[in-house]
C-alpha atoms as a PDB file:
ATOM      1  CA  MET A   1     -18.369 -42.947   7.986  1.00  0.00           C
ATOM      2  CA  SER A   2     -15.687 -43.757   5.365  1.00  0.00           C
ATOM      3  CA  SER A   3     -16.629 -40.881   3.132  1.00  0.00           C
ATOM      4  CA  THR A   4     -16.269 -38.419   5.952  1.00  0.00           C
ATOM      5  CA  LEU A   5     -12.816 -39.802   6.690  1.00  0.00           C
ATOM      6  CA  ASP A   6     -11.812 -39.851   3.322  1.00  0.00           C
ATOM      7  CA  VAL A   7     -12.680 -35.800   2.714  1.00  0.00           C
ATOM      8  CA  THR A   8     -10.820 -34.933   6.281  1.00  0.00           C
ATOM      9  CA  ARG A   9      -7.786 -36.697   4.847  1.00  0.00           C
ATOM     10  CA  ALA A  10      -7.858 -35.263   1.070  1.00  0.00           C
ATOM     11  CA  GLU A  11      -8.584 -31.998   3.228  1.00  0.00           C
ATOM     12  CA  LEU A  12      -5.097 -32.269   5.633  1.00  0.00           C
ATOM     13  CA  ALA A  13      -3.247 -33.288   2.973  1.00  0.00           C
ATOM     14  CA  LEU A  14      -3.994 -29.958   1.383  1.00  0.00           C
ATOM     15  CA  LEU A  15      -3.321 -28.550   4.339  1.00  0.00           C
ATOM     16  CA  VAL A  16       0.311 -30.880   5.029  1.00  0.00           C
ATOM     17  CA  LEU A  17       1.302 -29.523   1.062  1.00  0.00           C
ATOM     18  CA  TYR A  18       0.117 -25.773   2.275  1.00  0.00           C
ATOM     19  CA  LEU A  19       2.771 -25.843   5.633  1.00  0.00           C
ATOM     20  CA  ASN A  20       5.199 -27.439   3.306  1.00  0.00           C
ATOM     21  CA  LYS A  21       5.639 -24.543   1.535  1.00  0.00           C
ATOM     22  CA  ALA A  22       8.552 -22.514   2.567  1.00  0.00           C
ATOM     23  CA  GLU A  23       6.447 -18.745   1.539  1.00  0.00           C
ATOM     24  CA  ALA A  24       3.670 -20.167   3.536  1.00  0.00           C
ATOM     25  CA  ARG A  25       5.894 -20.754   6.633  1.00  0.00           C
ATOM     26  CA  ASP A  26       7.175 -17.541   5.723  1.00  0.00           C
ATOM     27  CA  LYS A  27       4.174 -15.582   5.549  1.00  0.00           C
ATOM     28  CA  ILE A  28       2.807 -17.261   8.823  1.00  0.00           C
ATOM     29  CA  CYS A  29       6.177 -16.334  10.490  1.00  0.00           C
ATOM     30  CA  ARG A  30       5.524 -12.404   9.144  1.00  0.00           C
ATOM     31  CA  ALA A  31       1.773 -12.660  10.450  1.00  0.00           C
ATOM     32  CA  ILE A  32       3.063 -13.330  14.133  1.00  0.00           C
ATOM     33  CA  GLN A  33       5.842 -10.777  13.480  1.00  0.00           C
ATOM     34  CA  TYR A  34       3.936  -8.130  12.767  1.00  0.00           C
ATOM     35  CA  GLY A  35       1.409  -8.972  15.373  1.00  0.00           C
ATOM     36  CA  SER A  36       3.652  -9.445  18.251  1.00  0.00           C
ATOM     37  CA  LYS A  37       5.429  -5.362  17.065  1.00  0.00           C
ATOM     38  CA  PHE A  38       1.138  -4.538  17.059  1.00  0.00           C
ATOM     39  CA  LEU A  39       1.123  -5.359  20.574  1.00  0.00           C
ATOM     40  CA  SER A  40       4.691  -3.941  21.647  1.00  0.00           C
ATOM     41  CA  ASN A  41       4.153  -0.589  20.167  1.00  0.00           C
ATOM     42  CA  GLY A  42       7.698  -0.650  20.299  1.00  0.00           C
ATOM     43  CA  GLU A  43       7.869  -1.113  23.884  1.00  0.00           C
ATOM     44  CA  PRO A  44      10.389  -3.527  25.197  1.00  0.00           C
ATOM     45  CA  GLY A  45       9.194  -6.585  26.856  1.00  0.00           C
ATOM     46  CA  THR A  46       8.187  -9.805  25.403  1.00  0.00           C
ATOM     47  CA  ALA A  47       6.100  -8.972  22.498  1.00  0.00           C
ATOM     48  CA  GLN A  48       9.015  -6.799  21.054  1.00  0.00           C
ATOM     49  CA  ASN A  49      11.659  -9.927  21.802  1.00  0.00           C
ATOM     50  CA  VAL A  50       9.196 -11.836  19.445  1.00  0.00           C
ATOM     51  CA  ASP A  51       9.109  -9.446  17.208  1.00  0.00           C
ATOM     52  CA  LYS A  52      12.570  -9.291  17.017  1.00  0.00           C
ATOM     53  CA  THR A  53      13.535 -13.207  16.647  1.00  0.00           C
ATOM     54  CA  THR A  54      10.684 -13.827  14.505  1.00  0.00           C
ATOM     55  CA  SER A  55      12.092 -11.559  11.916  1.00  0.00           C
ATOM     56  CA  LEU A  56      15.587 -12.813  12.049  1.00  0.00           C
ATOM     57  CA  ALA A  57      13.874 -16.409  11.787  1.00  0.00           C
ATOM     58  CA  ARG A  58      12.208 -15.320   8.858  1.00  0.00           C
ATOM     59  CA  LYS A  59      15.379 -14.394   6.924  1.00  0.00           C
ATOM     60  CA  VAL A  60      17.103 -17.885   7.128  1.00  0.00           C
ATOM     61  CA  PHE A  61      13.831 -18.556   5.061  1.00  0.00           C
ATOM     62  CA  ARG A  62      14.457 -15.888   2.180  1.00  0.00           C
ATOM     63  CA  LEU A  63      18.313 -16.847   1.878  1.00  0.00           C
ATOM     64  CA  PHE A  64      19.264 -16.834  -1.749  1.00  0.00           C
ATOM     65  CA  LYS A  65      15.589 -16.322  -2.723  1.00  0.00           C
ATOM     66  CA  PHE A  66      16.835 -13.338  -4.675  1.00  0.00           C
ATOM     67  CA  VAL A  67      17.463 -15.720  -7.633  1.00  0.00           C
ATOM     68  CA  ASN A  68      13.564 -15.753  -8.283  1.00  0.00           C
ATOM     69  CA  ASP A  69      13.244 -12.014  -8.605  1.00  0.00           C
ATOM     70  CA  LEU A  70      16.332 -12.162 -10.827  1.00  0.00           C
ATOM     71  CA  HIS A  71      15.237 -14.901 -13.117  1.00  0.00           C
ATOM     72  CA  ALA A  72      12.068 -13.045 -13.812  1.00  0.00           C
ATOM     73  CA  LEU A  73      14.000 -10.036 -14.329  1.00  0.00           C
ATOM     74  CA  ILE A  74      15.771 -10.944 -17.161  1.00  0.00           C
ATOM     75  CA  SER A  75      13.000 -13.636 -18.311  1.00  0.00           C
ATOM     76  CA  PRO A  76      11.206 -12.663 -21.727  1.00  0.00           C
ATOM     77  CA  PRO A  77       7.654 -10.572 -21.032  1.00  0.00           C
ATOM     78  CA  ALA A  78       4.164 -12.335 -21.691  1.00  0.00           C
ATOM     79  CA  PRO A  79       3.524 -11.776 -25.242  1.00  0.00           C
ATOM     80  CA  GLY A  80       1.095  -8.913 -26.136  1.00  0.00           C
ATOM     81  CA  SER A  81       1.626  -6.941 -22.304  1.00  0.00           C
ATOM     82  CA  PRO A  82       1.463  -3.687 -22.780  1.00  0.00           C
ATOM     83  CA  LEU A  83       4.920  -1.667 -22.113  1.00  0.00           C
ATOM     84  CA  PRO A  84       3.934   0.340 -18.938  1.00  0.00           C
ATOM     85  CA  VAL A  85       3.221  -2.680 -17.435  1.00  0.00           C
ATOM     86  CA  ILE A  86       6.944  -4.533 -18.596  1.00  0.00           C
ATOM     87  CA  LEU A  87       8.685  -1.258 -17.438  1.00  0.00           C
ATOM     88  CA  LEU A  88       6.807  -1.942 -14.077  1.00  0.00           C
ATOM     89  CA  GLY A  89       7.427  -5.233 -13.919  1.00  0.00           C
ATOM     90  CA  LYS A  90      10.894  -5.309 -14.247  1.00  0.00           C
ATOM     91  CA  SER A  91      11.435  -2.829 -12.672  1.00  0.00           C
ATOM     92  CA  LYS A  92       9.413  -4.516  -9.479  1.00  0.00           C
ATOM     93  CA  ASN A  93      11.534  -7.780 -10.186  1.00  0.00           C
ATOM     94  CA  ALA A  94      15.155  -5.854  -9.821  1.00  0.00           C
ATOM     95  CA  LEU A  95      14.249  -4.071  -6.620  1.00  0.00           C
ATOM     96  CA  LEU A  96      12.495  -6.772  -4.612  1.00  0.00           C
ATOM     97  CA  SER A  97      15.479  -8.950  -5.785  1.00  0.00           C
ATOM     98  CA  THR A  98      17.978  -6.430  -4.565  1.00  0.00           C
ATOM     99  CA  PHE A  99      16.128  -6.020  -1.250  1.00  0.00           C
ATOM    100  CA  LEU A 100      16.319 -10.135  -0.882  1.00  0.00           C
ATOM    101  CA  PHE A 101      20.133  -9.894  -1.949  1.00  0.00           C
ATOM    102  CA  LEU A 102      20.886  -7.228   0.887  1.00  0.00           C
ATOM    103  CA  ASP A 103      18.420  -8.735   3.622  1.00  0.00           C
ATOM    104  CA  GLN A 104      20.751 -11.274   3.078  1.00  0.00           C
ATOM    105  CA  ILE A 105      23.728  -9.057   4.541  1.00  0.00           C
ATOM    106  CA  VAL A 106      21.634  -7.716   7.388  1.00  0.00           C
ATOM    107  CA  TRP A 107      21.046 -11.558   8.262  1.00  0.00           C
ATOM    108  CA  ALA A 108      24.882 -12.393   8.381  1.00  0.00           C
ATOM    109  CA  ASN A 109      25.494  -9.002  10.805  1.00  0.00           C
ATOM    110  CA  ARG A 110      22.823 -10.327  13.024  1.00  0.00           C
ATOM    111  CA  THR A 111      24.283 -13.473  13.237  1.00  0.00           C
ATOM    112  CA  GLY A 112      27.563 -12.335  13.903  1.00  0.00           C
ATOM    113  CA  ILE A 113      29.107 -13.561  10.376  1.00  0.00           C
ATOM    114  CA  TYR A 114      29.147 -10.074   8.753  1.00  0.00           C
ATOM    115  CA  LYS A 115      30.904  -7.963  11.383  1.00  0.00           C
ATOM    116  CA  ASN A 116      30.682  -4.515   9.488  1.00  0.00           C
ATOM    117  CA  LYS A 117      27.558  -3.204  11.604  1.00  0.00           C
ATOM    118  CA  GLU A 118      27.366   0.172  10.683  1.00  0.00           C
ATOM    119  CA  ARG A 119      27.697  -0.773   6.950  1.00  0.00           C
ATOM    120  CA  ALA A 120      24.937  -3.316   7.408  1.00  0.00           C
ATOM    121  CA  GLU A 121      22.230  -0.801   8.937  1.00  0.00           C
ATOM    122  CA  ARG A 122      22.780   1.332   6.334  1.00  0.00           C
ATOM    123  CA  LEU A 123      22.289  -1.772   3.333  1.00  0.00           C
ATOM    124  CA  GLY A 124      19.172  -2.795   5.551  1.00  0.00           C
ATOM    125  CA  ARG A 125      17.642   0.883   5.250  1.00  0.00           C
ATOM    126  CA  ILE A 126      17.998   0.729   1.553  1.00  0.00           C
ATOM    127  CA  ALA A 127      16.831  -2.723   1.127  1.00  0.00           C
ATOM    128  CA  LEU A 128      14.068  -1.508   3.026  1.00  0.00           C
ATOM    129  CA  TYR A 129      13.633   1.428   0.560  1.00  0.00           C
ATOM    130  CA  CYS A 130      13.708  -1.110  -2.403  1.00  0.00           C
ATOM    131  CA  TRP A 131      10.913  -3.466  -1.101  1.00  0.00           C
ATOM    132  CA  MET A 132       8.928  -0.483  -0.906  1.00  0.00           C
ATOM    133  CA  GLY A 133       9.933   0.692  -4.476  1.00  0.00           C
ATOM    134  CA  SER A 134       8.582  -2.875  -5.349  1.00  0.00           C
ATOM    135  CA  SER A 135       5.179  -2.340  -3.365  1.00  0.00           C
ATOM    136  CA  ALA A 136       4.759   0.956  -5.288  1.00  0.00           C
ATOM    137  CA  CYS A 137       5.413  -0.592  -8.673  1.00  0.00           C
ATOM    138  CA  SER A 138       3.100  -3.874  -7.460  1.00  0.00           C
ATOM    139  CA  THR A 139       0.263  -1.355  -6.665  1.00  0.00           C
ATOM    140  CA  LEU A 140       0.801   0.904  -9.907  1.00  0.00           C
ATOM    141  CA  ILE A 141       0.523  -3.011 -12.027  1.00  0.00           C
ATOM    142  CA  GLU A 142      -2.226  -4.250 -10.493  1.00  0.00           C
ATOM    143  CA  ILE A 143      -4.273  -0.472 -10.845  1.00  0.00           C
ATOM    144  CA  GLY A 144      -3.831  -0.823 -14.074  1.00  0.00           C
ATOM    145  CA  GLU A 145      -5.086  -4.218 -14.138  1.00  0.00           C
ATOM    146  CA  VAL A 146      -8.321  -3.639 -12.248  1.00  0.00           C
ATOM    147  CA  GLY A 147      -8.850  -1.007 -14.723  1.00  0.00           C
ATOM    148  CA  ARG A 148      -8.012  -3.603 -17.650  1.00  0.00           C
ATOM    149  CA  ILE A 149     -10.359  -6.536 -16.105  1.00  0.00           C
ATOM    150  CA  SER A 150     -13.115  -3.870 -15.314  1.00  0.00           C
ATOM    151  CA  ALA A 151     -13.323  -2.979 -18.459  1.00  0.00           C
ATOM    152  CA  SER A 152     -13.216  -6.232 -19.748  1.00  0.00           C
ATOM    153  CA  LEU A 153     -16.203  -6.948 -17.470  1.00  0.00           C
ATOM    154  CA  LYS A 154     -18.767  -4.207 -18.255  1.00  0.00           C
ATOM    155  CA  LYS A 155     -18.398  -5.356 -21.667  1.00  0.00           C
ATOM    156  CA  LEU A 156     -19.235  -8.659 -21.238  1.00  0.00           C
ATOM    157  CA  GLU A 157     -22.276  -7.347 -18.975  1.00  0.00           C
ATOM    158  CA  LYS A 158     -23.804  -5.634 -22.092  1.00  0.00           C
ATOM    159  CA  ASP A 159     -23.511  -8.910 -23.808  1.00  0.00           C
ATOM    160  CA  LEU A 160     -25.118 -11.098 -21.364  1.00  0.00           C
ATOM    161  CA  LYS A 161     -27.665  -8.756 -20.523  1.00  0.00           C
ATOM    162  CA  LYS A 162     -30.183 -10.726 -21.164  1.00  0.00           C
ATOM    163  CA  THR A 163     -29.015 -13.981 -19.707  1.00  0.00           C
ATOM    164  CA  ASP A 164     -28.006 -14.674 -16.362  1.00  0.00           C
ATOM    165  CA  LYS A 165     -24.207 -13.462 -16.640  1.00  0.00           C
ATOM    166  CA  TYR A 166     -23.233 -15.560 -13.258  1.00  0.00           C
ATOM    167  CA  LYS A 167     -23.764 -18.599 -15.332  1.00  0.00           C
ATOM    168  CA  ASP A 168     -21.511 -17.629 -17.870  1.00  0.00           C
ATOM    169  CA  GLU A 169     -18.217 -19.074 -17.073  1.00  0.00           C
ATOM    170  CA  HIS A 170     -15.857 -16.821 -18.678  1.00  0.00           C
ATOM    171  CA  TYR A 171     -17.714 -13.844 -16.555  1.00  0.00           C
ATOM    172  CA  CYS A 172     -17.211 -15.818 -13.971  1.00  0.00           C
ATOM    173  CA  ASN A 173     -13.362 -16.366 -14.722  1.00  0.00           C
ATOM    174  CA  LYS A 174     -13.193 -12.526 -14.787  1.00  0.00           C
ATOM    175  CA  LEU A 175     -15.045 -11.446 -12.209  1.00  0.00           C
ATOM    176  CA  ASN A 176     -12.713 -14.005  -9.840  1.00  0.00           C
ATOM    177  CA  GLN A 177      -9.545 -12.109 -11.116  1.00  0.00           C
ATOM    178  CA  LEU A 178     -10.690  -9.086 -10.546  1.00  0.00           C
ATOM    179  CA  ASN A 179     -11.415 -10.062  -7.277  1.00  0.00           C
ATOM    180  CA  GLN A 180      -7.992 -11.714  -7.243  1.00  0.00           C
ATOM    181  CA  ARG A 181      -6.302  -8.321  -8.489  1.00  0.00           C
ATOM    182  CA  ARG A 182      -8.160  -5.963  -6.280  1.00  0.00           C
ATOM    183  CA  LEU A 183      -7.431  -8.185  -2.973  1.00  0.00           C
ATOM    184  CA  ALA A 184      -3.361  -7.689  -4.617  1.00  0.00           C
ATOM    185  CA  LEU A 185      -3.894  -4.132  -4.956  1.00  0.00           C
ATOM    186  CA  ILE A 186      -4.841  -3.860  -1.002  1.00  0.00           C
ATOM    187  CA  LYS A 187      -1.747  -5.664   0.022  1.00  0.00           C
ATOM    188  CA  ALA A 188       0.451  -4.117  -2.261  1.00  0.00           C
ATOM    189  CA  SER A 189      -0.652  -0.777  -1.248  1.00  0.00           C
ATOM    190  CA  MET A 190      -0.684  -1.694   2.589  1.00  0.00           C
ATOM    191  CA  ASP A 191       2.845  -3.093   1.978  1.00  0.00           C
ATOM    192  CA  ILE A 192       4.176   0.943   1.239  1.00  0.00           C
ATOM    193  CA  VAL A 193       2.606   1.917   4.551  1.00  0.00           C
ATOM    194  CA  VAL A 194       4.511  -1.292   6.205  1.00  0.00           C
ATOM    195  CA  ALA A 195       7.993  -0.100   4.189  1.00  0.00           C
ATOM    196  CA  ILE A 196       7.455   3.442   5.563  1.00  0.00           C
ATOM    197  CA  GLY A 197       6.824   2.475   9.438  1.00  0.00           C
ATOM    198  CA  LEU A 198      10.245   0.101   9.193  1.00  0.00           C
ATOM    199  CA  LEU A 199      11.521   3.129   7.574  1.00  0.00           C
ATOM    200  CA  GLN A 200      10.304   5.526  10.411  1.00  0.00           C
ATOM    201  CA  LEU A 201       9.561   8.230   7.571  1.00  0.00           C
ATOM    202  CA  ALA A 202       6.825   9.049   9.354  1.00  0.00           C
ATOM    203  CA  PRO A 203       7.277   8.214  13.206  1.00  0.00           C
ATOM    204  CA  LYS A 204       3.941  10.359  14.535  1.00  0.00           C
ATOM    205  CA  LYS A 205       1.709   9.087  12.152  1.00  0.00           C
ATOM    206  CA  VAL A 206       2.609   5.346  11.118  1.00  0.00           C
ATOM    207  CA  THR A 207       3.497   3.864  14.448  1.00  0.00           C
ATOM    208  CA  PRO A 208       4.880   1.018  15.563  1.00  0.00           C
ATOM    209  CA  ARG A 209       1.162  -0.337  16.315  1.00  0.00           C
ATOM    210  CA  VAL A 210      -0.164   1.046  12.679  1.00  0.00           C
ATOM    211  CA  THR A 211       2.915  -0.601  10.869  1.00  0.00           C
ATOM    212  CA  GLY A 212       1.874  -3.861  12.394  1.00  0.00           C
ATOM    213  CA  ALA A 213      -1.730  -3.882  12.310  1.00  0.00           C
ATOM    214  CA  PHE A 214      -1.076  -2.996   8.423  1.00  0.00           C
ATOM    215  CA  GLY A 215       1.500  -5.875   8.376  1.00  0.00           C
ATOM    216  CA  VAL A 216      -0.321  -8.531   9.810  1.00  0.00           C
ATOM    217  CA  ILE A 217      -3.300  -7.530   7.275  1.00  0.00           C
ATOM    218  CA  THR A 218      -0.961  -8.030   4.518  1.00  0.00           C
ATOM    219  CA  SER A 219       0.532 -11.181   6.241  1.00  0.00           C
ATOM    220  CA  LEU A 220      -3.309 -12.620   6.614  1.00  0.00           C
ATOM    221  CA  ILE A 221      -3.556 -11.526   2.564  1.00  0.00           C
ATOM    222  CA  SER A 222      -0.184 -13.290   1.441  1.00  0.00           C
ATOM    223  CA  CYS A 223      -1.566 -16.544   3.515  1.00  0.00           C
ATOM    224  CA  TYR A 224      -4.659 -16.830   1.648  1.00  0.00           C
ATOM    225  CA  GLN A 225      -3.425 -15.805  -1.589  1.00  0.00           C
ATOM    226  CA  LEU A 226      -1.052 -18.944  -1.510  1.00  0.00           C
ATOM    227  CA  LEU A 227      -3.928 -21.605  -0.076  1.00  0.00           C
ATOM    228  CA  PRO A 228      -4.718 -24.355  -2.274  1.00  0.00           C
ATOM    229  CA  ALA A 229      -7.793 -23.805  -4.796  1.00  0.00           C
ATOM    230  CA  ARG A 230     -10.160 -25.841  -2.860  1.00  0.00           C
ATOM    231  CA  LEU A 231      -9.297 -24.847   0.770  1.00  0.00           C
ATOM    232  CA  LYS A 232      -9.609 -21.003  -1.078  1.00  0.00           C
ATOM    233  CA  ASP A 233     -12.743 -22.116  -2.285  1.00  0.00           C
ATOM    234  CA  LYS A 234     -14.168 -23.326   1.261  1.00  0.00           C
ATOM    235  CA  LYS A 235     -12.985 -20.062   2.768  1.00  0.00           C
ATOM    236  CA  ALA A 236     -15.179 -18.429   0.636  1.00  0.00           C
END
């Protein structure tokens, strides 16, 4: 009984640690926001109100968050990284930092601090284009990483063909990396569709309901990626 209680306490402590992260709360709110968008399908009502108010609330979580990507932009790249990956990574940081900075102006307008509504809306669209661009960069990075790790795994499989490869720690680590990269690739590519929906670039195909559905999926992926390792293992 005591050991069961200790395990429960430990798991609750991990959950509290998870929920204390501003990023985790942001992604949970994001799932609610896009779930509401899916339910409303762009029609006025309670679901659309939840979508709008949650969207505004999320902007508070992201205040000054642009500094993170600005720091990554000016930081030296990882040793041995190929030049295309470095350029894509820096482009992603620049675009995401710009998106987060401009998004603060949108928040200031919606709260009444910044009065120029027309300019704020224009900057809001530019911000969404920046986010779409950063998602495209992420997609290309993940495609490259998936290819690189897959090639490494094939080579390992040849070396381990006479043994149980799943008992090899190096192979299992590589396989775990590949699965994480595939998940990140799915998320980044689906976020491009979400951005297209928010910008209404293809309103007949990417409707508010499609945007909402894709947004919920990418939000849940983000929530999973932020889970502590022990909670991830239990989910798996």
